[in-house]
mmCIF file of all heavy atoms, coordinates in Angstrom:
data_MODEL
# 
_entry.id   MODEL 
# 
loop_
_atom_site.group_PDB 
_atom_site.id 
_atom_site.type_symbol 
_atom_site.label_atom_id 
_atom_site.label_alt_id 
_atom_site.label_comp_id 
_atom_site.label_asym_id 
_atom_site.label_entity_id 
_atom_site.label_seq_id 
_atom_site.pdbx_PDB_ins_code 
_atom_site.Cartn_x 
_atom_site.Cartn_y 
_atom_site.Cartn_z 
_atom_site.occupancy 
_atom_site.B_iso_or_equiv 
_atom_site.pdbx_formal_charge 
_atom_site.auth_seq_id 
_atom_site.auth_comp_id 
_atom_site.auth_asym_id 
_atom_site.auth_atom_id 
_atom_site.pdbx_PDB_model_num 
ATOM 1   N N   . GLU A 1 1  ? 25.816 21.612 -0.611  1.00 0.00 ? 1  GLU A N   1 
ATOM 2   C CA  . GLU A 1 1  ? 24.734 20.698 -0.985  1.00 0.00 ? 1  GLU A CA  1 
ATOM 3   C C   . GLU A 1 1  ? 24.510 20.828 -2.490  1.00 0.00 ? 1  GLU A C   1 
ATOM 4   O O   . GLU A 1 1  ? 24.209 21.907 -2.993  1.00 0.00 ? 1  GLU A O   1 
ATOM 5   C CB  . GLU A 1 1  ? 23.452 21.073 -0.221  1.00 0.00 ? 1  GLU A CB  1 
ATOM 6   C CG  . GLU A 1 1  ? 22.315 20.094 -0.427  1.00 0.00 ? 1  GLU A CG  1 
ATOM 7   C CD  . GLU A 1 1  ? 21.070 20.492 0.346   1.00 0.00 ? 1  GLU A CD  1 
ATOM 8   O OE1 . GLU A 1 1  ? 21.162 21.204 1.387   1.00 0.00 ? 1  GLU A OE1 1 
ATOM 9   O OE2 . GLU A 1 1  ? 19.975 20.109 -0.117  1.00 0.00 ? 1  GLU A OE2 1 
ATOM 10  N N   . GLY A 1 2  ? 24.707 19.736 -3.200  1.00 0.00 ? 2  GLY A N   1 
ATOM 11  C CA  . GLY A 1 2  ? 24.636 19.793 -4.654  1.00 0.00 ? 2  GLY A CA  1 
ATOM 12  C C   . GLY A 1 2  ? 23.236 20.131 -5.161  1.00 0.00 ? 2  GLY A C   1 
ATOM 13  O O   . GLY A 1 2  ? 22.233 19.797 -4.531  1.00 0.00 ? 2  GLY A O   1 
ATOM 14  N N   . VAL A 1 3  ? 23.172 20.815 -6.290  1.00 0.00 ? 3  VAL A N   1 
ATOM 15  C CA  . VAL A 1 3  ? 21.885 21.140 -6.936  1.00 0.00 ? 3  VAL A CA  1 
ATOM 16  C C   . VAL A 1 3  ? 21.912 20.574 -8.364  1.00 0.00 ? 3  VAL A C   1 
ATOM 17  O O   . VAL A 1 3  ? 22.962 20.200 -8.886  1.00 0.00 ? 3  VAL A O   1 
ATOM 18  C CB  . VAL A 1 3  ? 21.627 22.664 -6.963  1.00 0.00 ? 3  VAL A CB  1 
ATOM 19  C CG1 . VAL A 1 3  ? 21.495 23.215 -5.548  1.00 0.00 ? 3  VAL A CG1 1 
ATOM 20  C CG2 . VAL A 1 3  ? 22.725 23.418 -7.713  1.00 0.00 ? 3  VAL A CG2 1 
ATOM 21  N N   . ASP A 1 4  ? 20.725 20.514 -8.975  1.00 0.00 ? 4  ASP A N   1 
ATOM 22  C CA  . ASP A 1 4  ? 20.614 19.914 -10.317 1.00 0.00 ? 4  ASP A CA  1 
ATOM 23  C C   . ASP A 1 4  ? 21.287 20.775 -11.389 1.00 0.00 ? 4  ASP A C   1 
ATOM 24  O O   . ASP A 1 4  ? 21.863 20.271 -12.348 1.00 0.00 ? 4  ASP A O   1 
ATOM 25  C CB  . ASP A 1 4  ? 19.145 19.700 -10.694 1.00 0.00 ? 4  ASP A CB  1 
ATOM 26  C CG  . ASP A 1 4  ? 18.501 18.613 -9.841  1.00 0.00 ? 4  ASP A CG  1 
ATOM 27  O OD1 . ASP A 1 4  ? 19.248 17.776 -9.292  1.00 0.00 ? 4  ASP A OD1 1 
ATOM 28  O OD2 . ASP A 1 4  ? 17.251 18.604 -9.701  1.00 0.00 ? 4  ASP A OD2 1 
ATOM 29  N N   . ALA A 1 5  ? 21.171 22.094 -11.239 1.00 0.00 ? 5  ALA A N   1 
ATOM 30  C CA  . ALA A 1 5  ? 21.741 22.996 -12.257 1.00 0.00 ? 5  ALA A CA  1 
ATOM 31  C C   . ALA A 1 5  ? 21.988 24.369 -11.645 1.00 0.00 ? 5  ALA A C   1 
ATOM 32  O O   . ALA A 1 5  ? 21.333 24.761 -10.669 1.00 0.00 ? 5  ALA A O   1 
ATOM 33  C CB  . ALA A 1 5  ? 20.789 23.126 -13.450 1.00 0.00 ? 5  ALA A CB  1 
ATOM 34  N N   . LEU A 1 6  ? 22.943 25.098 -12.214 1.00 0.00 ? 6  LEU A N   1 
ATOM 35  C CA  . LEU A 1 6  ? 23.197 26.480 -11.811 1.00 0.00 ? 6  LEU A CA  1 
ATOM 36  C C   . LEU A 1 6  ? 22.758 27.412 -12.934 1.00 0.00 ? 6  LEU A C   1 
ATOM 37  O O   . LEU A 1 6  ? 22.677 27.016 -14.099 1.00 0.00 ? 6  LEU A O   1 
ATOM 38  C CB  . LEU A 1 6  ? 24.690 26.680 -11.520 1.00 0.00 ? 6  LEU A CB  1 
ATOM 39  C CG  . LEU A 1 6  ? 25.279 25.898 -10.333 1.00 0.00 ? 6  LEU A CG  1 
ATOM 40  C CD1 . LEU A 1 6  ? 26.775 26.175 -10.199 1.00 0.00 ? 6  LEU A CD1 1 
ATOM 41  C CD2 . LEU A 1 6  ? 24.572 26.244 -9.028  1.00 0.00 ? 6  LEU A CD2 1 
ATOM 42  N N   . HIS A 1 7  ? 22.487 28.670 -12.579 1.00 0.00 ? 7  HIS A N   1 
ATOM 43  C CA  . HIS A 1 7  ? 22.073 29.667 -13.579 1.00 0.00 ? 7  HIS A CA  1 
ATOM 44  C C   . HIS A 1 7  ? 23.107 30.788 -13.669 1.00 0.00 ? 7  HIS A C   1 
ATOM 45  O O   . HIS A 1 7  ? 24.090 30.818 -12.918 1.00 0.00 ? 7  HIS A O   1 
ATOM 46  C CB  . HIS A 1 7  ? 20.684 30.215 -13.260 1.00 0.00 ? 7  HIS A CB  1 
ATOM 47  C CG  . HIS A 1 7  ? 20.529 30.700 -11.836 1.00 0.00 ? 7  HIS A CG  1 
ATOM 48  N ND1 . HIS A 1 7  ? 21.084 31.881 -11.398 1.00 0.00 ? 7  HIS A ND1 1 
ATOM 49  C CD2 . HIS A 1 7  ? 19.907 30.151 -10.750 1.00 0.00 ? 7  HIS A CD2 1 
ATOM 50  C CE1 . HIS A 1 7  ? 20.819 32.046 -10.123 1.00 0.00 ? 7  HIS A CE1 1 
ATOM 51  N NE2 . HIS A 1 7  ? 20.098 31.014 -9.685  1.00 0.00 ? 7  HIS A NE2 1 
ATOM 52  N N   . GLY A 1 8  ? 22.895 31.695 -14.583 1.00 0.00 ? 8  GLY A N   1 
ATOM 53  C CA  . GLY A 1 8  ? 23.824 32.810 -14.770 1.00 0.00 ? 8  GLY A CA  1 
ATOM 54  C C   . GLY A 1 8  ? 23.760 33.795 -13.618 1.00 0.00 ? 8  GLY A C   1 
ATOM 55  O O   . GLY A 1 8  ? 22.894 33.714 -12.740 1.00 0.00 ? 8  GLY A O   1 
ATOM 56  N N   . CYS A 1 9  ? 24.704 34.732 -13.597 1.00 0.00 ? 9  CYS A N   1 
ATOM 57  C CA  . CYS A 1 9  ? 24.688 35.751 -12.547 1.00 0.00 ? 9  CYS A CA  1 
ATOM 58  C C   . CYS A 1 9  ? 25.510 36.957 -13.003 1.00 0.00 ? 9  CYS A C   1 
ATOM 59  O O   . CYS A 1 9  ? 26.190 36.918 -14.029 1.00 0.00 ? 9  CYS A O   1 
ATOM 60  C CB  . CYS A 1 9  ? 25.252 35.200 -11.229 1.00 0.00 ? 9  CYS A CB  1 
ATOM 61  S SG  . CYS A 1 9  ? 27.060 35.030 -11.241 1.00 0.00 ? 9  CYS A SG  1 
ATOM 62  N N   . ASP A 1 10 ? 25.433 38.006 -12.186 1.00 0.00 ? 10 ASP A N   1 
ATOM 63  C CA  . ASP A 1 10 ? 26.218 39.232 -12.380 1.00 0.00 ? 10 ASP A CA  1 
ATOM 64  C C   . ASP A 1 10 ? 27.002 39.436 -11.088 1.00 0.00 ? 10 ASP A C   1 
ATOM 65  O O   . ASP A 1 10 ? 26.422 39.554 -10.013 1.00 0.00 ? 10 ASP A O   1 
ATOM 66  C CB  . ASP A 1 10 ? 25.271 40.412 -12.643 1.00 0.00 ? 10 ASP A CB  1 
ATOM 67  C CG  . ASP A 1 10 ? 26.000 41.683 -13.066 1.00 0.00 ? 10 ASP A CG  1 
ATOM 68  O OD1 . ASP A 1 10 ? 27.019 42.025 -12.422 1.00 0.00 ? 10 ASP A OD1 1 
ATOM 69  O OD2 . ASP A 1 10 ? 25.545 42.359 -14.020 1.00 0.00 ? 10 ASP A OD2 1 
ATOM 70  N N   . HIS A 1 11 ? 28.332 39.459 -11.188 1.00 0.00 ? 11 HIS A N   1 
ATOM 71  C CA  . HIS A 1 11 ? 29.154 39.460 -9.976  1.00 0.00 ? 11 HIS A CA  1 
ATOM 72  C C   . HIS A 1 11 ? 30.319 40.432 -10.105 1.00 0.00 ? 11 HIS A C   1 
ATOM 73  O O   . HIS A 1 11 ? 30.931 40.540 -11.178 1.00 0.00 ? 11 HIS A O   1 
ATOM 74  C CB  . HIS A 1 11 ? 29.682 38.037 -9.712  1.00 0.00 ? 11 HIS A CB  1 
ATOM 75  C CG  . HIS A 1 11 ? 30.516 37.916 -8.465  1.00 0.00 ? 11 HIS A CG  1 
ATOM 76  N ND1 . HIS A 1 11 ? 29.974 37.987 -7.182  1.00 0.00 ? 11 HIS A ND1 1 
ATOM 77  C CD2 . HIS A 1 11 ? 31.854 37.748 -8.303  1.00 0.00 ? 11 HIS A CD2 1 
ATOM 78  C CE1 . HIS A 1 11 ? 30.949 37.868 -6.297  1.00 0.00 ? 11 HIS A CE1 1 
ATOM 79  N NE2 . HIS A 1 11 ? 32.096 37.722 -6.936  1.00 0.00 ? 11 HIS A NE2 1 
ATOM 80  N N   . GLN A 1 12 ? 30.620 41.118 -9.006  1.00 0.00 ? 12 GLN A N   1 
ATOM 81  C CA  . GLN A 1 12 ? 31.779 42.021 -8.967  1.00 0.00 ? 12 GLN A CA  1 
ATOM 82  C C   . GLN A 1 12 ? 32.940 41.330 -8.262  1.00 0.00 ? 12 GLN A C   1 
ATOM 83  O O   . GLN A 1 12 ? 32.811 40.872 -7.126  1.00 0.00 ? 12 GLN A O   1 
ATOM 84  C CB  . GLN A 1 12 ? 31.413 43.328 -8.235  1.00 0.00 ? 12 GLN A CB  1 
ATOM 85  C CG  . GLN A 1 12 ? 32.630 44.228 -7.988  1.00 0.00 ? 12 GLN A CG  1 
ATOM 86  C CD  . GLN A 1 12 ? 32.419 45.654 -8.371  1.00 0.00 ? 12 GLN A CD  1 
ATOM 87  O OE1 . GLN A 1 12 ? 31.602 45.954 -9.231  1.00 0.00 ? 12 GLN A OE1 1 
ATOM 88  N NE2 . GLN A 1 12 ? 33.180 46.566 -7.791  1.00 0.00 ? 12 GLN A NE2 1 
ATOM 89  N N   . VAL A 1 13 ? 34.092 41.265 -8.936  1.00 0.00 ? 13 VAL A N   1 
ATOM 90  C CA  . VAL A 1 13 ? 35.278 40.615 -8.371  1.00 0.00 ? 13 VAL A CA  1 
ATOM 91  C C   . VAL A 1 13 ? 35.811 41.441 -7.205  1.00 0.00 ? 13 VAL A C   1 
ATOM 92  O O   . VAL A 1 13 ? 35.926 42.667 -7.292  1.00 0.00 ? 13 VAL A O   1 
ATOM 93  C CB  . VAL A 1 13 ? 36.373 40.455 -9.451  1.00 0.00 ? 13 VAL A CB  1 
ATOM 94  C CG1 . VAL A 1 13 ? 37.608 39.777 -8.878  1.00 0.00 ? 13 VAL A CG1 1 
ATOM 95  C CG2 . VAL A 1 13 ? 35.841 39.671 -10.649 1.00 0.00 ? 13 VAL A CG2 1 
ATOM 96  N N   . VAL A 1 14 ? 36.156 40.772 -6.127  1.00 0.00 ? 14 VAL A N   1 
ATOM 97  C CA  . VAL A 1 14 ? 36.676 41.446 -4.934  1.00 0.00 ? 14 VAL A CA  1 
ATOM 98  C C   . VAL A 1 14 ? 38.010 42.137 -5.258  1.00 0.00 ? 14 VAL A C   1 
ATOM 99  O O   . VAL A 1 14 ? 38.765 41.696 -6.129  1.00 0.00 ? 14 VAL A O   1 
ATOM 100 C CB  . VAL A 1 14 ? 36.841 40.421 -3.780  1.00 0.00 ? 14 VAL A CB  1 
ATOM 101 C CG1 . VAL A 1 14 ? 38.003 39.442 -4.063  1.00 0.00 ? 14 VAL A CG1 1 
ATOM 102 C CG2 . VAL A 1 14 ? 37.041 41.094 -2.441  1.00 0.00 ? 14 VAL A CG2 1 
ATOM 103 N N   . ALA A 1 15 ? 38.308 43.228 -4.546  1.00 0.00 ? 15 ALA A N   1 
ATOM 104 C CA  . ALA A 1 15 ? 39.553 43.978 -4.773  1.00 0.00 ? 15 ALA A CA  1 
ATOM 105 C C   . ALA A 1 15 ? 40.773 43.131 -4.418  1.00 0.00 ? 15 ALA A C   1 
ATOM 106 O O   . ALA A 1 15 ? 40.728 42.285 -3.518  1.00 0.00 ? 15 ALA A O   1 
ATOM 107 C CB  . ALA A 1 15 ? 39.554 45.268 -3.954  1.00 0.00 ? 15 ALA A CB  1 
ATOM 108 N N   . ASP A 1 16 ? 41.861 43.371 -5.115  1.00 0.00 ? 16 ASP A N   1 
ATOM 109 C CA  . ASP A 1 16 ? 43.083 42.575 -4.970  1.00 0.00 ? 16 ASP A CA  1 
ATOM 110 C C   . ASP A 1 16 ? 43.851 42.991 -3.709  1.00 0.00 ? 16 ASP A C   1 
ATOM 111 O O   . ASP A 1 16 ? 44.466 44.046 -3.657  1.00 0.00 ? 16 ASP A O   1 
ATOM 112 C CB  . ASP A 1 16 ? 43.963 42.782 -6.211  1.00 0.00 ? 16 ASP A CB  1 
ATOM 113 C CG  . ASP A 1 16 ? 45.134 41.813 -6.271  1.00 0.00 ? 16 ASP A CG  1 
ATOM 114 O OD1 . ASP A 1 16 ? 45.653 41.442 -5.198  1.00 0.00 ? 16 ASP A OD1 1 
ATOM 115 O OD2 . ASP A 1 16 ? 45.514 41.412 -7.378  1.00 0.00 ? 16 ASP A OD2 1 
ATOM 116 N N   . ARG A 1 17 ? 43.841 42.121 -2.710  1.00 0.00 ? 17 ARG A N   1 
ATOM 117 C CA  . ARG A 1 17 ? 44.482 42.471 -1.435  1.00 0.00 ? 17 ARG A CA  1 
ATOM 118 C C   . ARG A 1 17 ? 46.015 42.547 -1.573  1.00 0.00 ? 17 ARG A C   1 
ATOM 119 O O   . ARG A 1 17 ? 46.669 43.287 -0.847  1.00 0.00 ? 17 ARG A O   1 
ATOM 120 C CB  . ARG A 1 17 ? 44.090 41.482 -0.329  1.00 0.00 ? 17 ARG A CB  1 
ATOM 121 C CG  . ARG A 1 17 ? 44.497 40.060 -0.575  1.00 0.00 ? 17 ARG A CG  1 
ATOM 122 C CD  . ARG A 1 17 ? 43.806 39.079 0.352   1.00 0.00 ? 17 ARG A CD  1 
ATOM 123 N NE  . ARG A 1 17 ? 44.005 37.721 -0.089  1.00 0.00 ? 17 ARG A NE  1 
ATOM 124 C CZ  . ARG A 1 17 ? 44.928 36.887 0.361   1.00 0.00 ? 17 ARG A CZ  1 
ATOM 125 N NH1 . ARG A 1 17 ? 45.729 37.265 1.335   1.00 0.00 ? 17 ARG A NH1 1 
ATOM 126 N NH2 . ARG A 1 17 ? 45.055 35.666 -0.101  1.00 0.00 ? 17 ARG A NH2 1 
ATOM 127 N N   . ILE A 1 18 ? 46.575 41.780 -2.523  1.00 0.00 ? 18 ILE A N   1 
ATOM 128 C CA  . ILE A 1 18 ? 48.030 41.802 -2.688  1.00 0.00 ? 18 ILE A CA  1 
ATOM 129 C C   . ILE A 1 18 ? 48.463 43.089 -3.411  1.00 0.00 ? 18 ILE A C   1 
ATOM 130 O O   . ILE A 1 18 ? 49.476 43.682 -3.059  1.00 0.00 ? 18 ILE A O   1 
ATOM 131 C CB  . ILE A 1 18 ? 48.534 40.544 -3.421  1.00 0.00 ? 18 ILE A CB  1 
ATOM 132 C CG1 . ILE A 1 18 ? 48.047 39.277 -2.680  1.00 0.00 ? 18 ILE A CG1 1 
ATOM 133 C CG2 . ILE A 1 18 ? 50.048 40.552 -3.536  1.00 0.00 ? 18 ILE A CG2 1 
ATOM 134 C CD1 . ILE A 1 18 ? 48.505 39.167 -1.226  1.00 0.00 ? 18 ILE A CD1 1 
ATOM 135 N N   . GLU A 1 19 ? 47.693 43.519 -4.390  1.00 0.00 ? 19 GLU A N   1 
ATOM 136 C CA  . GLU A 1 19 ? 47.981 44.820 -5.009  1.00 0.00 ? 19 GLU A CA  1 
ATOM 137 C C   . GLU A 1 19 ? 47.875 45.925 -3.950  1.00 0.00 ? 19 GLU A C   1 
ATOM 138 O O   . GLU A 1 19 ? 48.730 46.804 -3.861  1.00 0.00 ? 19 GLU A O   1 
ATOM 139 C CB  . GLU A 1 19 ? 47.021 45.111 -6.173  1.00 0.00 ? 19 GLU A CB  1 
ATOM 140 C CG  . GLU A 1 19 ? 47.391 46.413 -6.899  1.00 0.00 ? 19 GLU A CG  1 
ATOM 141 C CD  . GLU A 1 19 ? 46.383 46.889 -7.929  1.00 0.00 ? 19 GLU A CD  1 
ATOM 142 O OE1 . GLU A 1 19 ? 45.192 46.658 -7.761  1.00 0.00 ? 19 GLU A OE1 1 
ATOM 143 O OE2 . GLU A 1 19 ? 46.782 47.531 -8.890  1.00 0.00 ? 19 GLU A OE2 1 
ATOM 144 N N   . ALA A 1 20 ? 46.820 45.862 -3.138  1.00 0.00 ? 20 ALA A N   1 
ATOM 145 C CA  . ALA A 1 20 ? 46.646 46.862 -2.072  1.00 0.00 ? 20 ALA A CA  1 
ATOM 146 C C   . ALA A 1 20 ? 47.838 46.819 -1.113  1.00 0.00 ? 20 ALA A C   1 
ATOM 147 O O   . ALA A 1 20 ? 48.408 47.862 -0.759  1.00 0.00 ? 20 ALA A O   1 
ATOM 148 C CB  . ALA A 1 20 ? 45.345 46.608 -1.315  1.00 0.00 ? 20 ALA A CB  1 
ATOM 149 N N   . GLY A 1 21 ? 48.238 45.612 -0.708  1.00 0.00 ? 21 GLY A N   1 
ATOM 150 C CA  . GLY A 1 21 ? 49.379 45.460 0.201   1.00 0.00 ? 21 GLY A CA  1 
ATOM 151 C C   . GLY A 1 21 ? 50.670 45.995 -0.403  1.00 0.00 ? 21 GLY A C   1 
ATOM 152 O O   . GLY A 1 21 ? 51.507 46.599 0.288   1.00 0.00 ? 21 GLY A O   1 
ATOM 153 N N   . THR A 1 22 ? 50.833 45.809 -1.714  1.00 0.00 ? 22 THR A N   1 
ATOM 154 C CA  . THR A 1 22 ? 52.033 46.297 -2.406  1.00 0.00 ? 22 THR A CA  1 
ATOM 155 C C   . THR A 1 22 ? 52.092 47.818 -2.355  1.00 0.00 ? 22 THR A C   1 
ATOM 156 O O   . THR A 1 22 ? 53.145 48.406 -2.093  1.00 0.00 ? 22 THR A O   1 
ATOM 157 C CB  . THR A 1 22 ? 52.046 45.790 -3.871  1.00 0.00 ? 22 THR A CB  1 
ATOM 158 O OG1 . THR A 1 22 ? 52.028 44.346 -3.874  1.00 0.00 ? 22 THR A OG1 1 
ATOM 159 C CG2 . THR A 1 22 ? 53.269 46.284 -4.616  1.00 0.00 ? 22 THR A CG2 1 
ATOM 160 N N   . PHE A 1 23 ? 50.957 48.472 -2.576  1.00 0.00 ? 23 PHE A N   1 
ATOM 161 C CA  . PHE A 1 23 ? 50.914 49.936 -2.503  1.00 0.00 ? 23 PHE A CA  1 
ATOM 162 C C   . PHE A 1 23 ? 51.122 50.427 -1.065  1.00 0.00 ? 23 PHE A C   1 
ATOM 163 O O   . PHE A 1 23 ? 51.772 51.441 -0.835  1.00 0.00 ? 23 PHE A O   1 
ATOM 164 C CB  . PHE A 1 23 ? 49.605 50.480 -3.080  1.00 0.00 ? 23 PHE A CB  1 
ATOM 165 C CG  . PHE A 1 23 ? 49.645 50.645 -4.579  1.00 0.00 ? 23 PHE A CG  1 
ATOM 166 C CD1 . PHE A 1 23 ? 49.106 49.684 -5.411  1.00 0.00 ? 23 PHE A CD1 1 
ATOM 167 C CD2 . PHE A 1 23 ? 50.242 51.748 -5.152  1.00 0.00 ? 23 PHE A CD2 1 
ATOM 168 C CE1 . PHE A 1 23 ? 49.162 49.813 -6.796  1.00 0.00 ? 23 PHE A CE1 1 
ATOM 169 C CE2 . PHE A 1 23 ? 50.316 51.890 -6.540  1.00 0.00 ? 23 PHE A CE2 1 
ATOM 170 C CZ  . PHE A 1 23 ? 49.767 50.917 -7.361  1.00 0.00 ? 23 PHE A CZ  1 
ATOM 171 N N   . LEU A 1 24 ? 50.589 49.696 -0.090  1.00 0.00 ? 24 LEU A N   1 
ATOM 172 C CA  . LEU A 1 24 ? 50.820 50.058 1.313   1.00 0.00 ? 24 LEU A CA  1 
ATOM 173 C C   . LEU A 1 24 ? 52.330 50.057 1.619   1.00 0.00 ? 24 LEU A C   1 
ATOM 174 O O   . LEU A 1 24 ? 52.850 50.982 2.237   1.00 0.00 ? 24 LEU A O   1 
ATOM 175 C CB  . LEU A 1 24 ? 50.114 49.072 2.254   1.00 0.00 ? 24 LEU A CB  1 
ATOM 176 C CG  . LEU A 1 24 ? 48.583 49.111 2.314   1.00 0.00 ? 24 LEU A CG  1 
ATOM 177 C CD1 . LEU A 1 24 ? 48.079 48.022 3.274   1.00 0.00 ? 24 LEU A CD1 1 
ATOM 178 C CD2 . LEU A 1 24 ? 48.046 50.466 2.759   1.00 0.00 ? 24 LEU A CD2 1 
# 
């Protein structure tokens, strides 16, 4: 649902599943 404007945020990028799979 669209909104008029978005604001800033602080976000942690999810861990890389392909890097994890490569090490596995």
